[in-house]
Amino acid sequence: MFVIYALQYCPYSERAVRIAEQLKLKTNVIWITHEEKNKYKKLNNMNTFPQIFYYSTPKSKTPTKIGGCDDFERLIKTCQQVNSMNLKDKALYDICKQLK
């Protein structure tokens, strides 16, 4: 599941939420007010919004940091390209590991 900390009235936050909705991704959107902004900057060690994370399972305690809207879009595009190649998960893992 993706968790999106979205800043109210932020066009990048709105875009990330809209993309997640269009792709029907499992998402928990947490709308942040401008008064709460600094709290979440410190909490998530990120200066911009949206702040996007991925939890691989519902019980995951440590999320994978995706980043902001541009990072989210880049990830989606990359995944769509990989999916079009019809690789098996193990092959993809092995390839990515070699490209570190």
PDB file of N, CA and C in Angstrom:
ATOM      1  N   MET A   1       0.837  -1.173   0.000  1.00  0.00           N
ATOM      2  CA  MET A   1       0.000   0.000   0.000  1.00  0.00           C
ATOM      3  C   MET A   1       0.887   1.243   0.000  1.00  0.00           C
ATOM      4  N   PHE A   2       0.467   2.237  -0.778  1.00  0.00           N
ATOM      5  CA  PHE A   2       1.154   3.516  -0.804  1.00  0.00           C
ATOM      6  C   PHE A   2       0.539   4.439   0.242  1.00  0.00           C
ATOM      7  N   VAL A   3       1.380   5.164   0.934  1.00  0.00           N
ATOM      8  CA  VAL A   3       0.922   6.205   1.858  1.00  0.00           C
ATOM      9  C   VAL A   3       1.412   7.526   1.280  1.00  0.00           C
ATOM     10  N   ILE A   4       0.470   8.430   1.066  1.00  0.00           N
ATOM     11  CA  ILE A   4       0.799   9.734   0.506  1.00  0.00           C
ATOM     12  C   ILE A   4       0.454  10.808   1.527  1.00  0.00           C
ATOM     13  N   TYR A   5       1.483  11.513   2.001  1.00  0.00           N
ATOM     14  CA  TYR A   5       1.265  12.687   2.831  1.00  0.00           C
ATOM     15  C   TYR A   5       1.135  13.847   1.855  1.00  0.00           C
ATOM     16  N   ALA A   6      -0.088  14.323   1.692  1.00  0.00           N
ATOM     17  CA  ALA A   6      -0.389  15.335   0.680  1.00  0.00           C
ATOM     18  C   ALA A   6      -0.704  16.665   1.356  1.00  0.00           C
ATOM     19  N   LEU A   7      -0.078  17.707   0.863  1.00  0.00           N
ATOM     20  CA  LEU A   7      -0.295  19.046   1.405  1.00  0.00           C
ATOM     21  C   LEU A   7      -1.507  19.671   0.727  1.00  0.00           C
ATOM     22  N   GLN A   8      -2.432  20.181   1.533  1.00  0.00           N
ATOM     23  CA  GLN A   8      -3.634  20.812   0.987  1.00  0.00           C
ATOM     24  C   GLN A   8      -3.258  21.948   0.050  1.00  0.00           C
ATOM     25  N   TYR A   9      -3.960  22.021  -1.065  1.00  0.00           N
ATOM     26  CA  TYR A   9      -3.798  23.072  -2.085  1.00  0.00           C
ATOM     27  C   TYR A   9      -2.459  23.003  -2.815  1.00  0.00           C
ATOM     28  N   CYS A  10      -1.756  21.903  -2.711  1.00  0.00           N
ATOM     29  CA  CYS A  10      -0.477  21.721  -3.406  1.00  0.00           C
ATOM     30  C   CYS A  10      -0.750  20.976  -4.720  1.00  0.00           C
ATOM     31  N   PRO A  11      -0.415  21.576  -5.864  1.00  0.00           N
ATOM     32  CA  PRO A  11      -0.707  20.915  -7.141  1.00  0.00           C
ATOM     33  C   PRO A  11       0.030  19.585  -7.324  1.00  0.00           C
ATOM     34  N   TYR A  12       1.237  19.469  -6.771  1.00  0.00           N
ATOM     35  CA  TYR A  12       1.979  18.206  -6.892  1.00  0.00           C
ATOM     36  C   TYR A  12       1.332  17.113  -6.045  1.00  0.00           C
ATOM     37  N   SER A  13       0.836  17.492  -4.880  1.00  0.00           N
ATOM     38  CA  SER A  13       0.132  16.527  -4.028  1.00  0.00           C
ATOM     39  C   SER A  13      -1.148  16.069  -4.705  1.00  0.00           C
ATOM     40  N   GLU A  14      -1.886  17.017  -5.245  1.00  0.00           N
ATOM     41  CA  GLU A  14      -3.138  16.677  -5.926  1.00  0.00           C
ATOM     42  C   GLU A  14      -2.874  15.766  -7.126  1.00  0.00           C
ATOM     43  N   ARG A  15      -1.788  16.038  -7.841  1.00  0.00           N
ATOM     44  CA  ARG A  15      -1.431  15.217  -9.004  1.00  0.00           C
ATOM     45  C   ARG A  15      -1.096  13.783  -8.580  1.00  0.00           C
ATOM     46  N   ALA A  16      -0.302  13.631  -7.527  1.00  0.00           N
ATOM     47  CA  ALA A  16       0.072  12.293  -7.056  1.00  0.00           C
ATOM     48  C   ALA A  16      -1.160  11.501  -6.619  1.00  0.00           C
ATOM     49  N   VAL A  17      -2.068  12.153  -5.915  1.00  0.00           N
ATOM     50  CA  VAL A  17      -3.296  11.481  -5.465  1.00  0.00           C
ATOM     51  C   VAL A  17      -4.140  11.084  -6.674  1.00  0.00           C
ATOM     52  N   ARG A  18      -4.255  11.971  -7.654  1.00  0.00           N
ATOM     53  CA  ARG A  18      -5.040  11.691  -8.856  1.00  0.00           C
ATOM     54  C   ARG A  18      -4.443  10.508  -9.628  1.00  0.00           C
ATOM     55  N   ILE A  19      -3.120  10.467  -9.753  1.00  0.00           N
ATOM     56  CA  ILE A  19      -2.457   9.349 -10.443  1.00  0.00           C
ATOM     57  C   ILE A  19      -2.748   8.033  -9.725  1.00  0.00           C
ATOM     58  N   ALA A  20      -2.616   8.028  -8.412  1.00  0.00           N
ATOM     59  CA  ALA A  20      -2.882   6.808  -7.627  1.00  0.00           C
ATOM     60  C   ALA A  20      -4.327   6.354  -7.813  1.00  0.00           C
ATOM     61  N   GLU A  21      -5.250   7.308  -7.833  1.00  0.00           N
ATOM     62  CA  GLU A  21      -6.663   6.962  -8.024  1.00  0.00           C
ATOM     63  C   GLU A  21      -6.905   6.405  -9.426  1.00  0.00           C
ATOM     64  N   GLN A  22      -6.319   7.034 -10.435  1.00  0.00           N
ATOM     65  CA  GLN A  22      -6.497   6.579 -11.820  1.00  0.00           C
ATOM     66  C   GLN A  22      -5.964   5.166 -12.015  1.00  0.00           C
ATOM     67  N   LEU A  23      -4.854   4.856 -11.349  1.00  0.00           N
ATOM     68  CA  LEU A  23      -4.257   3.527 -11.468  1.00  0.00           C
ATOM     69  C   LEU A  23      -4.873   2.519 -10.503  1.00  0.00           C
ATOM     70  N   LYS A  24      -5.815   2.998  -9.689  1.00  0.00           N
ATOM     71  CA  LYS A  24      -6.508   2.148  -8.708  1.00  0.00           C
ATOM     72  C   LYS A  24      -5.520   1.454  -7.765  1.00  0.00           C
ATOM     73  N   LEU A  25      -4.514   2.230  -7.319  1.00  0.00           N
ATOM     74  CA  LEU A  25      -3.537   1.708  -6.375  1.00  0.00           C
ATOM     75  C   LEU A  25      -4.109   1.721  -4.971  1.00  0.00           C
ATOM     76  N   LYS A  26      -3.725   0.752  -4.173  1.00  0.00           N
ATOM     77  CA  LYS A  26      -4.103   0.765  -2.758  1.00  0.00           C
ATOM     78  C   LYS A  26      -3.337   1.906  -2.114  1.00  0.00           C
ATOM     79  N   THR A  27      -4.074   2.890  -1.660  1.00  0.00           N
ATOM     80  CA  THR A  27      -3.445   4.118  -1.175  1.00  0.00           C
ATOM     81  C   THR A  27      -4.145   4.630   0.069  1.00  0.00           C
ATOM     82  N   ASN A  28      -3.341   5.132   0.993  1.00  0.00           N
ATOM     83  CA  ASN A  28      -3.858   5.856   2.155  1.00  0.00           C
ATOM     84  C   ASN A  28      -3.342   7.286   2.017  1.00  0.00           C
ATOM     85  N   VAL A  29      -4.253   8.219   1.758  1.00  0.00           N
ATOM     86  CA  VAL A  29      -3.871   9.623   1.598  1.00  0.00           C
ATOM     87  C   VAL A  29      -4.106  10.338   2.915  1.00  0.00           C
ATOM     88  N   ILE A  30      -3.082  11.007   3.389  1.00  0.00           N
ATOM     89  CA  ILE A  30      -3.171  11.782   4.624  1.00  0.00           C
ATOM     90  C   ILE A  30      -2.985  13.245   4.235  1.00  0.00           C
ATOM     91  N   TRP A  31      -4.064  14.004   4.300  1.00  0.00           N
ATOM     92  CA  TRP A  31      -4.011  15.410   3.915  1.00  0.00           C
ATOM     93  C   TRP A  31      -3.439  16.235   5.062  1.00  0.00           C
ATOM     94  N   ILE A  32      -2.409  17.004   4.756  1.00  0.00           N
ATOM     95  CA  ILE A  32      -1.684  17.813   5.733  1.00  0.00           C
ATOM     96  C   ILE A  32      -2.049  19.279   5.537  1.00  0.00           C
ATOM     97  N   THR A  33      -2.329  19.970   6.623  1.00  0.00           N
ATOM     98  CA  THR A  33      -2.594  21.409   6.541  1.00  0.00           C
ATOM     99  C   THR A  33      -1.259  22.161   6.554  1.00  0.00           C
ATOM    100  N   HIS A  34      -1.308  23.417   6.153  1.00  0.00           N
ATOM    101  CA  HIS A  34      -0.078  24.223   6.161  1.00  0.00           C
ATOM    102  C   HIS A  34       0.463  24.390   7.582  1.00  0.00           C
ATOM    103  N   GLU A  35      -0.417  24.342   8.566  1.00  0.00           N
ATOM    104  CA  GLU A  35       0.023  24.440   9.960  1.00  0.00           C
ATOM    105  C   GLU A  35       0.806  23.196  10.396  1.00  0.00           C
ATOM    106  N   GLU A  36       0.509  22.055   9.796  1.00  0.00           N
ATOM    107  CA  GLU A  36       1.166  20.789  10.150  1.00  0.00           C
ATOM    108  C   GLU A  36       2.412  20.510   9.302  1.00  0.00           C
ATOM    109  N   LYS A  37       2.634  21.314   8.289  1.00  0.00           N
ATOM    110  CA  LYS A  37       3.682  21.062   7.299  1.00  0.00           C
ATOM    111  C   LYS A  37       5.057  20.803   7.911  1.00  0.00           C
ATOM    112  N   ASN A  38       5.496  21.661   8.812  1.00  0.00           N
ATOM    113  CA  ASN A  38       6.838  21.510   9.398  1.00  0.00           C
ATOM    114  C   ASN A  38       6.969  20.238  10.221  1.00  0.00           C
ATOM    115  N   LYS A  39       5.895  19.844  10.875  1.00  0.00           N
ATOM    116  CA  LYS A  39       5.899  18.597  11.660  1.00  0.00           C
ATOM    117  C   LYS A  39       6.221  17.398  10.759  1.00  0.00           C
ATOM    118  N   TYR A  40       5.589  17.335   9.591  1.00  0.00           N
ATOM    119  CA  TYR A  40       5.796  16.203   8.691  1.00  0.00           C
ATOM    120  C   TYR A  40       7.116  16.291   7.939  1.00  0.00           C
ATOM    121  N   LYS A  41       7.613  17.501   7.730  1.00  0.00           N
ATOM    122  CA  LYS A  41       8.947  17.641   7.136  1.00  0.00           C
ATOM    123  C   LYS A  41       9.986  16.994   8.045  1.00  0.00           C
ATOM    124  N   LYS A  42       9.876  17.268   9.339  1.00  0.00           N
ATOM    125  CA  LYS A  42      10.818  16.688  10.305  1.00  0.00           C
ATOM    126  C   LYS A  42      10.576  15.192  10.488  1.00  0.00           C
ATOM    127  N   LEU A  43       9.323  14.810  10.622  1.00  0.00           N
ATOM    128  CA  LEU A  43       8.964  13.411  10.859  1.00  0.00           C
ATOM    129  C   LEU A  43       9.480  12.496   9.750  1.00  0.00           C
ATOM    130  N   ASN A  44       9.311  12.925   8.508  1.00  0.00           N
ATOM    131  CA  ASN A  44       9.672  12.080   7.367  1.00  0.00           C
ATOM    132  C   ASN A  44      11.002  12.455   6.724  1.00  0.00           C
ATOM    133  N   ASN A  45      11.674  13.449   7.294  1.00  0.00           N
ATOM    134  CA  ASN A  45      12.977  13.893   6.797  1.00  0.00           C
ATOM    135  C   ASN A  45      12.922  14.233   5.303  1.00  0.00           C
ATOM    136  N   MET A  46      11.867  14.956   4.925  1.00  0.00           N
ATOM    137  CA  MET A  46      11.672  15.403   3.548  1.00  0.00           C
ATOM    138  C   MET A  46      11.200  16.853   3.589  1.00  0.00           C
ATOM    139  N   ASN A  47      11.645  17.670   2.646  1.00  0.00           N
ATOM    140  CA  ASN A  47      11.295  19.086   2.656  1.00  0.00           C
ATOM    141  C   ASN A  47      10.140  19.460   1.753  1.00  0.00           C
ATOM    142  N   THR A  48       9.739  18.558   0.867  1.00  0.00           N
ATOM    143  CA  THR A  48       8.690  18.893  -0.091  1.00  0.00           C
ATOM    144  C   THR A  48       7.494  17.957   0.054  1.00  0.00           C
ATOM    145  N   PHE A  49       6.427  18.327  -0.610  1.00  0.00           N
ATOM    146  CA  PHE A  49       5.207  17.513  -0.645  1.00  0.00           C
ATOM    147  C   PHE A  49       4.818  17.285  -2.088  1.00  0.00           C
ATOM    148  N   PRO A  50       4.203  16.131  -2.336  1.00  0.00           N
ATOM    149  CA  PRO A  50       3.810  15.085  -1.410  1.00  0.00           C
ATOM    150  C   PRO A  50       5.017  14.289  -0.920  1.00  0.00           C
ATOM    151  N   GLN A  51       4.774  13.537   0.130  1.00  0.00           N
ATOM    152  CA  GLN A  51       5.769  12.615   0.671  1.00  0.00           C
ATOM    153  C   GLN A  51       5.152  11.222   0.535  1.00  0.00           C
ATOM    154  N   ILE A  52       5.775  10.409  -0.318  1.00  0.00           N
ATOM    155  CA  ILE A  52       5.157   9.133  -0.688  1.00  0.00           C
ATOM    156  C   ILE A  52       6.021   7.967  -0.214  1.00  0.00           C
ATOM    157  N   PHE A  53       5.344   7.003   0.401  1.00  0.00           N
ATOM    158  CA  PHE A  53       5.997   5.801   0.933  1.00  0.00           C
ATOM    159  C   PHE A  53       5.233   4.571   0.473  1.00  0.00           C
ATOM    160  N   TYR A  54       5.923   3.433   0.477  1.00  0.00           N
ATOM    161  CA  TYR A  54       5.296   2.171   0.108  1.00  0.00           C
ATOM    162  C   TYR A  54       5.519   1.148   1.204  1.00  0.00           C
ATOM    163  N   TYR A  55       4.425   0.504   1.626  1.00  0.00           N
ATOM    164  CA  TYR A  55       4.472  -0.602   2.592  1.00  0.00           C
ATOM    165  C   TYR A  55       4.179  -1.887   1.823  1.00  0.00           C
ATOM    166  N   SER A  56       5.122  -2.826   1.828  1.00  0.00           N
ATOM    167  CA  SER A  56       4.962  -4.042   1.040  1.00  0.00           C
ATOM    168  C   SER A  56       3.876  -4.970   1.579  1.00  0.00           C
ATOM    169  N   THR A  57       3.641  -4.941   2.884  1.00  0.00           N
ATOM    170  CA  THR A  57       2.560  -5.723   3.481  1.00  0.00           C
ATOM    171  C   THR A  57       1.854  -4.856   4.520  1.00  0.00           C
ATOM    172  N   PRO A  58       0.633  -5.207   4.869  1.00  0.00           N
ATOM    173  CA  PRO A  58      -0.075  -4.411   5.887  1.00  0.00           C
ATOM    174  C   PRO A  58       0.639  -4.379   7.236  1.00  0.00           C
ATOM    175  N   LYS A  59       1.452  -5.395   7.511  1.00  0.00           N
ATOM    176  CA  LYS A  59       2.153  -5.458   8.796  1.00  0.00           C
ATOM    177  C   LYS A  59       3.555  -4.847   8.742  1.00  0.00           C
ATOM    178  N   SER A  60       3.959  -4.356   7.578  1.00  0.00           N
ATOM    179  CA  SER A  60       5.293  -3.746   7.449  1.00  0.00           C
ATOM    180  C   SER A  60       5.419  -2.566   8.389  1.00  0.00           C
ATOM    181  N   LYS A  61       6.517  -2.531   9.115  1.00  0.00           N
ATOM    182  CA  LYS A  61       6.749  -1.417  10.032  1.00  0.00           C
ATOM    183  C   LYS A  61       7.636  -0.358   9.403  1.00  0.00           C
ATOM    184  N   THR A  62       8.471  -0.769   8.463  1.00  0.00           N
ATOM    185  CA  THR A  62       9.385   0.156   7.820  1.00  0.00           C
ATOM    186  C   THR A  62       9.004   0.294   6.349  1.00  0.00           C
ATOM    187  N   PRO A  63       8.567   1.486   5.957  1.00  0.00           N
ATOM    188  CA  PRO A  63       8.174   1.674   4.559  1.00  0.00           C
ATOM    189  C   PRO A  63       9.382   1.936   3.665  1.00  0.00           C
ATOM    190  N   THR A  64       9.167   1.778   2.384  1.00  0.00           N
ATOM    191  CA  THR A  64      10.149   2.182   1.387  1.00  0.00           C
ATOM    192  C   THR A  64       9.812   3.609   0.980  1.00  0.00           C
ATOM    193  N   LYS A  65      10.793   4.490   1.068  1.00  0.00           N
ATOM    194  CA  LYS A  65      10.575   5.886   0.688  1.00  0.00           C
ATOM    195  C   LYS A  65      10.594   5.993  -0.835  1.00  0.00           C
ATOM    196  N   ILE A  66       9.507   6.498  -1.398  1.00  0.00           N
ATOM    197  CA  ILE A  66       9.425   6.719  -2.840  1.00  0.00           C
ATOM    198  C   ILE A  66       9.924   8.125  -3.164  1.00  0.00           C
ATOM    199  N   GLY A  67       9.472   9.117  -2.411  1.00  0.00           N
ATOM    200  CA  GLY A  67       9.867  10.505  -2.638  1.00  0.00           C
ATOM    201  C   GLY A  67       8.654  11.362  -2.934  1.00  0.00           C
ATOM    202  N   GLY A  68       8.809  12.266  -3.888  1.00  0.00           N
ATOM    203  CA  GLY A  68       7.737  13.181  -4.250  1.00  0.00           C
ATOM    204  C   GLY A  68       6.999  12.732  -5.497  1.00  0.00           C
ATOM    205  N   CYS A  69       6.247  13.663  -6.084  1.00  0.00           N
ATOM    206  CA  CYS A  69       5.416  13.358  -7.247  1.00  0.00           C
ATOM    207  C   CYS A  69       6.256  12.921  -8.443  1.00  0.00           C
ATOM    208  N   ASP A  70       7.345  13.625  -8.732  1.00  0.00           N
ATOM    209  CA  ASP A  70       8.200  13.253  -9.869  1.00  0.00           C
ATOM    210  C   ASP A  70       8.780  11.854  -9.690  1.00  0.00           C
ATOM    211  N   ASP A  71       9.212  11.544  -8.469  1.00  0.00           N
ATOM    212  CA  ASP A  71       9.757  10.213  -8.171  1.00  0.00           C
ATOM    213  C   ASP A  71       8.686   9.143  -8.357  1.00  0.00           C
ATOM    214  N   PHE A  72       7.475   9.440  -7.910  1.00  0.00           N
ATOM    215  CA  PHE A  72       6.338   8.528  -8.024  1.00  0.00           C
ATOM    216  C   PHE A  72       6.044   8.247  -9.504  1.00  0.00           C
ATOM    217  N   GLU A  73       6.010   9.295 -10.303  1.00  0.00           N
ATOM    218  CA  GLU A  73       5.743   9.121 -11.730  1.00  0.00           C
ATOM    219  C   GLU A  73       6.847   8.329 -12.417  1.00  0.00           C
ATOM    220  N   ARG A  74       8.102   8.578 -12.036  1.00  0.00           N
ATOM    221  CA  ARG A  74       9.235   7.845 -12.601  1.00  0.00           C
ATOM    222  C   ARG A  74       9.139   6.356 -12.240  1.00  0.00           C
ATOM    223  N   LEU A  75       8.777   6.072 -10.989  1.00  0.00           N
ATOM    224  CA  LEU A  75       8.622   4.687 -10.540  1.00  0.00           C
ATOM    225  C   LEU A  75       7.523   3.981 -11.337  1.00  0.00           C
ATOM    226  N   ILE A  76       6.407   4.647 -11.501  1.00  0.00           N
ATOM    227  CA  ILE A  76       5.285   4.055 -12.245  1.00  0.00           C
ATOM    228  C   ILE A  76       5.697   3.760 -13.687  1.00  0.00           C
ATOM    229  N   LYS A  77       6.352   4.721 -14.313  1.00  0.00           N
ATOM    230  CA  LYS A  77       6.785   4.523 -15.699  1.00  0.00           C
ATOM    231  C   LYS A  77       7.758   3.356 -15.806  1.00  0.00           C
ATOM    232  N   THR A  78       8.702   3.277 -14.878  1.00  0.00           N
ATOM    233  CA  THR A  78       9.675   2.184 -14.873  1.00  0.00           C
ATOM    234  C   THR A  78       8.976   0.844 -14.699  1.00  0.00           C
ATOM    235  N   CYS A  79       8.048   0.781 -13.754  1.00  0.00           N
ATOM    236  CA  CYS A  79       7.320  -0.476 -13.513  1.00  0.00           C
ATOM    237  C   CYS A  79       6.494  -0.878 -14.729  1.00  0.00           C
ATOM    238  N   GLN A  80       5.878   0.093 -15.388  1.00  0.00           N
ATOM    239  CA  GLN A  80       5.096  -0.218 -16.588  1.00  0.00           C
ATOM    240  C   GLN A  80       5.997  -0.770 -17.689  1.00  0.00           C
ATOM    241  N   GLN A  81       7.201  -0.211 -17.828  1.00  0.00           N
ATOM    242  CA  GLN A  81       8.141  -0.714 -18.836  1.00  0.00           C
ATOM    243  C   GLN A  81       8.592  -2.130 -18.501  1.00  0.00           C
ATOM    244  N   VAL A  82       8.907  -2.358 -17.228  1.00  0.00           N
ATOM    245  CA  VAL A  82       9.334  -3.693 -16.805  1.00  0.00           C
ATOM    246  C   VAL A  82       8.204  -4.694 -17.012  1.00  0.00           C
ATOM    247  N   ASN A  83       6.989  -4.318 -16.632  1.00  0.00           N
ATOM    248  CA  ASN A  83       5.849  -5.220 -16.801  1.00  0.00           C
ATOM    249  C   ASN A  83       5.629  -5.585 -18.265  1.00  0.00           C
ATOM    250  N   SER A  84       5.892  -4.652 -19.168  1.00  0.00           N
ATOM    251  CA  SER A  84       5.699  -4.930 -20.590  1.00  0.00           C
ATOM    252  C   SER A  84       6.714  -5.950 -21.110  1.00  0.00           C
ATOM    253  N   MET A  85       7.793  -6.165 -20.371  1.00  0.00           N
ATOM    254  CA  MET A  85       8.818  -7.126 -20.774  1.00  0.00           C
ATOM    255  C   MET A  85       8.487  -8.550 -20.336  1.00  0.00           C
ATOM    256  N   ASN A  86       7.461  -8.724 -19.525  1.00  0.00           N
ATOM    257  CA  ASN A  86       7.020 -10.036 -19.050  1.00  0.00           C
ATOM    258  C   ASN A  86       8.127 -10.840 -18.363  1.00  0.00           C
ATOM    259  N   LEU A  87       8.964 -10.158 -17.591  1.00  0.00           N
ATOM    260  CA  LEU A  87      10.003 -10.849 -16.832  1.00  0.00           C
ATOM    261  C   LEU A  87       9.411 -11.472 -15.574  1.00  0.00           C
ATOM    262  N   LYS A  88       9.991 -12.555 -15.150  1.00  0.00           N
ATOM    263  CA  LYS A  88       9.580 -13.147 -13.878  1.00  0.00           C
ATOM    264  C   LYS A  88      10.245 -12.352 -12.758  1.00  0.00           C
ATOM    265  N   ASP A  89       9.630 -12.329 -11.567  1.00  0.00           N
ATOM    266  CA  ASP A  89      10.141 -11.546 -10.437  1.00  0.00           C
ATOM    267  C   ASP A  89      11.607 -11.848 -10.137  1.00  0.00           C
ATOM    268  N   LYS A  90      11.993 -13.098 -10.146  1.00  0.00           N
ATOM    269  CA  LYS A  90      13.372 -13.477  -9.829  1.00  0.00           C
ATOM    270  C   LYS A  90      14.343 -12.867 -10.833  1.00  0.00           C
ATOM    271  N   ALA A  91      13.990 -12.912 -12.097  1.00  0.00           N
ATOM    272  CA  ALA A  91      14.859 -12.344 -13.133  1.00  0.00           C
ATOM    273  C   ALA A  91      15.013 -10.847 -12.925  1.00  0.00           C
ATOM    274  N   LEU A  92      13.940 -10.178 -12.646  1.00  0.00           N
ATOM    275  CA  LEU A  92      13.991  -8.735 -12.426  1.00  0.00           C
ATOM    276  C   LEU A  92      14.862  -8.407 -11.226  1.00  0.00           C
ATOM    277  N   TYR A  93      14.697  -9.144 -10.152  1.00  0.00           N
ATOM    278  CA  TYR A  93      15.505  -8.937  -8.950  1.00  0.00           C
ATOM    279  C   TYR A  93      16.992  -9.101  -9.278  1.00  0.00           C
ATOM    280  N   ASP A  94      17.330 -10.172 -10.000  1.00  0.00           N
ATOM    281  CA  ASP A  94      18.726 -10.427 -10.352  1.00  0.00           C
ATOM    282  C   ASP A  94      19.304  -9.309 -11.209  1.00  0.00           C
ATOM    283  N   ILE A  95      18.532  -8.836 -12.164  1.00  0.00           N
ATOM    284  CA  ILE A  95      18.990  -7.768 -13.037  1.00  0.00           C
ATOM    285  C   ILE A  95      19.222  -6.500 -12.244  1.00  0.00           C
ATOM    286  N   CYS A  96      18.268  -6.116 -11.426  1.00  0.00           N
ATOM    287  CA  CYS A  96      18.393  -4.877 -10.639  1.00  0.00           C
ATOM    288  C   CYS A  96      19.569  -4.954  -9.676  1.00  0.00           C
ATOM    289  N   LYS A  97      19.801  -6.117  -9.107  1.00  0.00           N
ATOM    290  CA  LYS A  97      20.902  -6.295  -8.176  1.00  0.00           C
ATOM    291  C   LYS A  97      22.238  -6.042  -8.876  1.00  0.00           C
ATOM    292  N   GLN A  98      22.372  -6.475 -10.107  1.00  0.00           N
ATOM    293  CA  GLN A  98      23.612  -6.280 -10.862  1.00  0.00           C
ATOM    294  C   GLN A  98      23.827  -4.827 -11.250  1.00  0.00           C
ATOM    295  N   LEU A  99      22.763  -4.060 -11.354  1.00  0.00           N
ATOM    296  CA  LEU A  99      22.861  -2.668 -11.809  1.00  0.00           C
ATOM    297  C   LEU A  99      23.063  -1.683 -10.688  1.00  0.00           C
ATOM    298  N   LYS A 100      23.277  -2.134  -9.480  1.00  0.00           N
ATOM    299  CA  LYS A 100      23.474  -1.234  -8.347  1.00  0.00           C
ATOM    300  C   LYS A 100      24.652  -0.332  -8.557  1.00  0.00           C
TER     301      LYS A 100
END
